[in-house]
Amino acid sequence: MTLRTELSKRLRALGIEEQAWQGRDDGFTPLTFRGRDLGHFHSDHEIDIRLGKDLKKQERLVPLPDSTVHPGRAKGSPWHEMRIRSAADVDEIVRLVTMAIGTSKAK
């Protein structure tokens, strides 16, 4: 099982829906939670997640220094781009998404 497959499986268990975007075959796949945009896979090895400014600040998250997809993203953006290189990355993404959807449930 690939890391992306494992991550997708774990995100589905949280209620995240993943749908291929018609006409794209580059790995870009939107992710939604209860009909709201939560993020997207850029590829099998990279994900962009809408965590919110407060959660990013709380977790002291910083942008990828070598991002090729969003190199000029503002520090205050609610989006956080992550690489998927190990099982620990999968765990961290699931942890952050769990926190993000917990925050959105409260709204």
C-alpha atoms as a PDB file:
ATOM      1  CA  MET A   1       0.000   0.000   0.000  1.00  0.00           C
ATOM      2  CA  THR A   2       1.404   3.422  -0.935  1.00  0.00           C
ATOM      3  CA  LEU A   3       1.573   6.268   1.561  1.00  0.00           C
ATOM      4  CA  ARG A   4      -1.068   8.206  -0.365  1.00  0.00           C
ATOM      5  CA  THR A   5      -3.370   5.176  -0.380  1.00  0.00           C
ATOM      6  CA  GLU A   6      -2.927   4.812   3.384  1.00  0.00           C
ATOM      7  CA  LEU A   7      -3.513   8.531   3.912  1.00  0.00           C
ATOM      8  CA  SER A   8      -6.635   8.485   1.722  1.00  0.00           C
ATOM      9  CA  LYS A   9      -8.000   5.530   3.680  1.00  0.00           C
ATOM     10  CA  ARG A  10      -7.420   7.253   7.004  1.00  0.00           C
ATOM     11  CA  LEU A  11      -8.914  10.538   5.789  1.00  0.00           C
ATOM     12  CA  ARG A  12     -12.039   8.716   4.553  1.00  0.00           C
ATOM     13  CA  ALA A  13     -12.428   7.264   8.054  1.00  0.00           C
ATOM     14  CA  LEU A  14     -12.631  10.880   9.309  1.00  0.00           C
ATOM     15  CA  GLY A  15     -15.398  11.695   6.833  1.00  0.00           C
ATOM     16  CA  ILE A  16     -13.195  13.336   4.205  1.00  0.00           C
ATOM     17  CA  GLU A  17     -14.389  12.849   0.636  1.00  0.00           C
ATOM     18  CA  GLU A  18     -11.877  12.608  -2.197  1.00  0.00           C
ATOM     19  CA  GLN A  19     -12.945  13.038  -5.803  1.00  0.00           C
ATOM     20  CA  ALA A  20     -10.806  13.119  -8.910  1.00  0.00           C
ATOM     21  CA  TRP A  21     -11.151  16.353 -10.838  1.00  0.00           C
ATOM     22  CA  GLN A  22     -12.456  15.576 -14.285  1.00  0.00           C
ATOM     23  CA  GLY A  23      -9.988  16.420 -17.027  1.00  0.00           C
ATOM     24  CA  ARG A  24      -6.906  16.351 -14.788  1.00  0.00           C
ATOM     25  CA  ASP A  25      -4.538  13.422 -14.673  1.00  0.00           C
ATOM     26  CA  ASP A  26      -1.660  15.066 -12.790  1.00  0.00           C
ATOM     27  CA  GLY A  27      -2.640  13.744  -9.351  1.00  0.00           C
ATOM     28  CA  PHE A  28      -4.613  16.828  -8.303  1.00  0.00           C
ATOM     29  CA  THR A  29      -7.539  15.606  -6.221  1.00  0.00           C
ATOM     30  CA  PRO A  30      -9.881  17.830  -4.163  1.00  0.00           C
ATOM     31  CA  LEU A  31     -10.775  16.897  -0.578  1.00  0.00           C
ATOM     32  CA  THR A  32     -13.997  17.979   1.112  1.00  0.00           C
ATOM     33  CA  PHE A  33     -15.486  17.646   4.569  1.00  0.00           C
ATOM     34  CA  ARG A  34     -19.263  17.979   4.889  1.00  0.00           C
ATOM     35  CA  GLY A  35     -19.355  19.695   1.507  1.00  0.00           C
ATOM     36  CA  ARG A  36     -16.643  22.242   2.367  1.00  0.00           C
ATOM     37  CA  ASP A  37     -13.273  22.506   0.672  1.00  0.00           C
ATOM     38  CA  LEU A  38     -10.669  21.057   3.030  1.00  0.00           C
ATOM     39  CA  GLY A  39      -7.701  20.624   0.744  1.00  0.00           C
ATOM     40  CA  HIS A  40      -6.292  18.750  -2.192  1.00  0.00           C
ATOM     41  CA  PHE A  41      -3.548  16.419  -3.220  1.00  0.00           C
ATOM     42  CA  HIS A  42      -1.107  18.057  -5.604  1.00  0.00           C
ATOM     43  CA  SER A  43       0.297  14.612  -6.366  1.00  0.00           C
ATOM     44  CA  ASP A  44       0.887  11.274  -4.650  1.00  0.00           C
ATOM     45  CA  HIS A  45       3.588  12.943  -2.545  1.00  0.00           C
ATOM     46  CA  GLU A  46       2.160  16.337  -1.638  1.00  0.00           C
ATOM     47  CA  ILE A  47      -1.017  17.654  -0.029  1.00  0.00           C
ATOM     48  CA  ASP A  48      -2.366  21.133   0.633  1.00  0.00           C
ATOM     49  CA  ILE A  49      -4.695  21.426   3.632  1.00  0.00           C
ATOM     50  CA  ARG A  50      -6.890  24.331   4.784  1.00  0.00           C
ATOM     51  CA  LEU A  51      -6.018  24.336   8.478  1.00  0.00           C
ATOM     52  CA  GLY A  52      -6.863  27.930   9.293  1.00  0.00           C
ATOM     53  CA  LYS A  53      -4.567  30.697  10.486  1.00  0.00           C
ATOM     54  CA  ASP A  54      -5.106  29.985  14.189  1.00  0.00           C
ATOM     55  CA  LEU A  55      -4.244  26.285  13.955  1.00  0.00           C
ATOM     56  CA  LYS A  56      -1.177  27.014  11.821  1.00  0.00           C
ATOM     57  CA  LYS A  57      -0.011  29.555  14.394  1.00  0.00           C
ATOM     58  CA  GLN A  58      -0.779  27.248  17.334  1.00  0.00           C
ATOM     59  CA  GLU A  59       1.205  24.415  15.723  1.00  0.00           C
ATOM     60  CA  ARG A  60       3.999  26.778  14.596  1.00  0.00           C
ATOM     61  CA  LEU A  61       3.720  25.561  11.008  1.00  0.00           C
ATOM     62  CA  VAL A  62       5.839  27.206   8.352  1.00  0.00           C
ATOM     63  CA  PRO A  63       5.559  27.049   4.555  1.00  0.00           C
ATOM     64  CA  LEU A  64       7.629  24.528   2.629  1.00  0.00           C
ATOM     65  CA  PRO A  65      10.838  26.390   1.802  1.00  0.00           C
ATOM     66  CA  ASP A  66      11.179  24.635  -1.565  1.00  0.00           C
ATOM     67  CA  SER A  67       7.528  24.622  -2.654  1.00  0.00           C
ATOM     68  CA  THR A  68       7.145  24.409  -6.399  1.00  0.00           C
ATOM     69  CA  VAL A  69       3.333  24.672  -6.369  1.00  0.00           C
ATOM     70  CA  HIS A  70       2.880  27.619  -3.978  1.00  0.00           C
ATOM     71  CA  PRO A  71       6.326  29.244  -3.646  1.00  0.00           C
ATOM     72  CA  GLY A  72       4.982  32.715  -2.836  1.00  0.00           C
ATOM     73  CA  ARG A  73       2.248  31.752  -0.399  1.00  0.00           C
ATOM     74  CA  ALA A  74       1.699  34.372   2.279  1.00  0.00           C
ATOM     75  CA  LYS A  75       2.762  33.451   5.793  1.00  0.00           C
ATOM     76  CA  GLY A  76      -0.759  34.269   7.026  1.00  0.00           C
ATOM     77  CA  SER A  77      -2.498  31.943   4.568  1.00  0.00           C
ATOM     78  CA  PRO A  78      -4.920  29.403   6.092  1.00  0.00           C
ATOM     79  CA  TRP A  79      -3.435  26.750   3.758  1.00  0.00           C
ATOM     80  CA  HIS A  80      -0.558  24.431   4.661  1.00  0.00           C
ATOM     81  CA  GLU A  81       1.368  22.391   2.103  1.00  0.00           C
ATOM     82  CA  MET A  82       2.976  19.130   3.249  1.00  0.00           C
ATOM     83  CA  ARG A  83       5.064  16.398   1.687  1.00  0.00           C
ATOM     84  CA  ILE A  84       4.127  12.735   2.113  1.00  0.00           C
ATOM     85  CA  ARG A  85       7.418  10.866   2.432  1.00  0.00           C
ATOM     86  CA  SER A  86       6.944   8.569   5.415  1.00  0.00           C
ATOM     87  CA  ALA A  87       4.404   6.927   7.707  1.00  0.00           C
ATOM     88  CA  ALA A  88       5.187   9.684  10.222  1.00  0.00           C
ATOM     89  CA  ASP A  89       4.076  12.276   7.623  1.00  0.00           C
ATOM     90  CA  VAL A  90       0.797  10.387   7.182  1.00  0.00           C
ATOM     91  CA  ASP A  91       0.279  10.382  10.954  1.00  0.00           C
ATOM     92  CA  GLU A  92       1.025  14.115  11.174  1.00  0.00           C
ATOM     93  CA  ILE A  93      -1.373  14.971   8.335  1.00  0.00           C
ATOM     94  CA  VAL A  94      -4.145  12.913   9.949  1.00  0.00           C
ATOM     95  CA  ARG A  95      -3.475  14.621  13.297  1.00  0.00           C
ATOM     96  CA  LEU A  96      -3.666  18.098  11.764  1.00  0.00           C
ATOM     97  CA  VAL A  97      -6.755  17.304   9.685  1.00  0.00           C
ATOM     98  CA  THR A  98      -8.463  15.876  12.781  1.00  0.00           C
ATOM     99  CA  MET A  99      -7.759  19.143  14.598  1.00  0.00           C
ATOM    100  CA  ALA A 100      -8.954  21.210  11.620  1.00  0.00           C
ATOM    101  CA  ILE A 101     -12.256  19.361  11.246  1.00  0.00           C
ATOM    102  CA  GLY A 102     -12.772  19.466  14.993  1.00  0.00           C
ATOM    103  CA  THR A 103     -12.525  23.248  14.753  1.00  0.00           C
ATOM    104  CA  SER A 104     -14.913  23.353  11.783  1.00  0.00           C
ATOM    105  CA  LYS A 105     -17.456  21.164  13.608  1.00  0.00           C
ATOM    106  CA  ALA A 106     -17.589  23.775  16.366  1.00  0.00           C
ATOM    107  CA  LYS A 107     -18.602  26.509  13.876  1.00  0.00           C
END
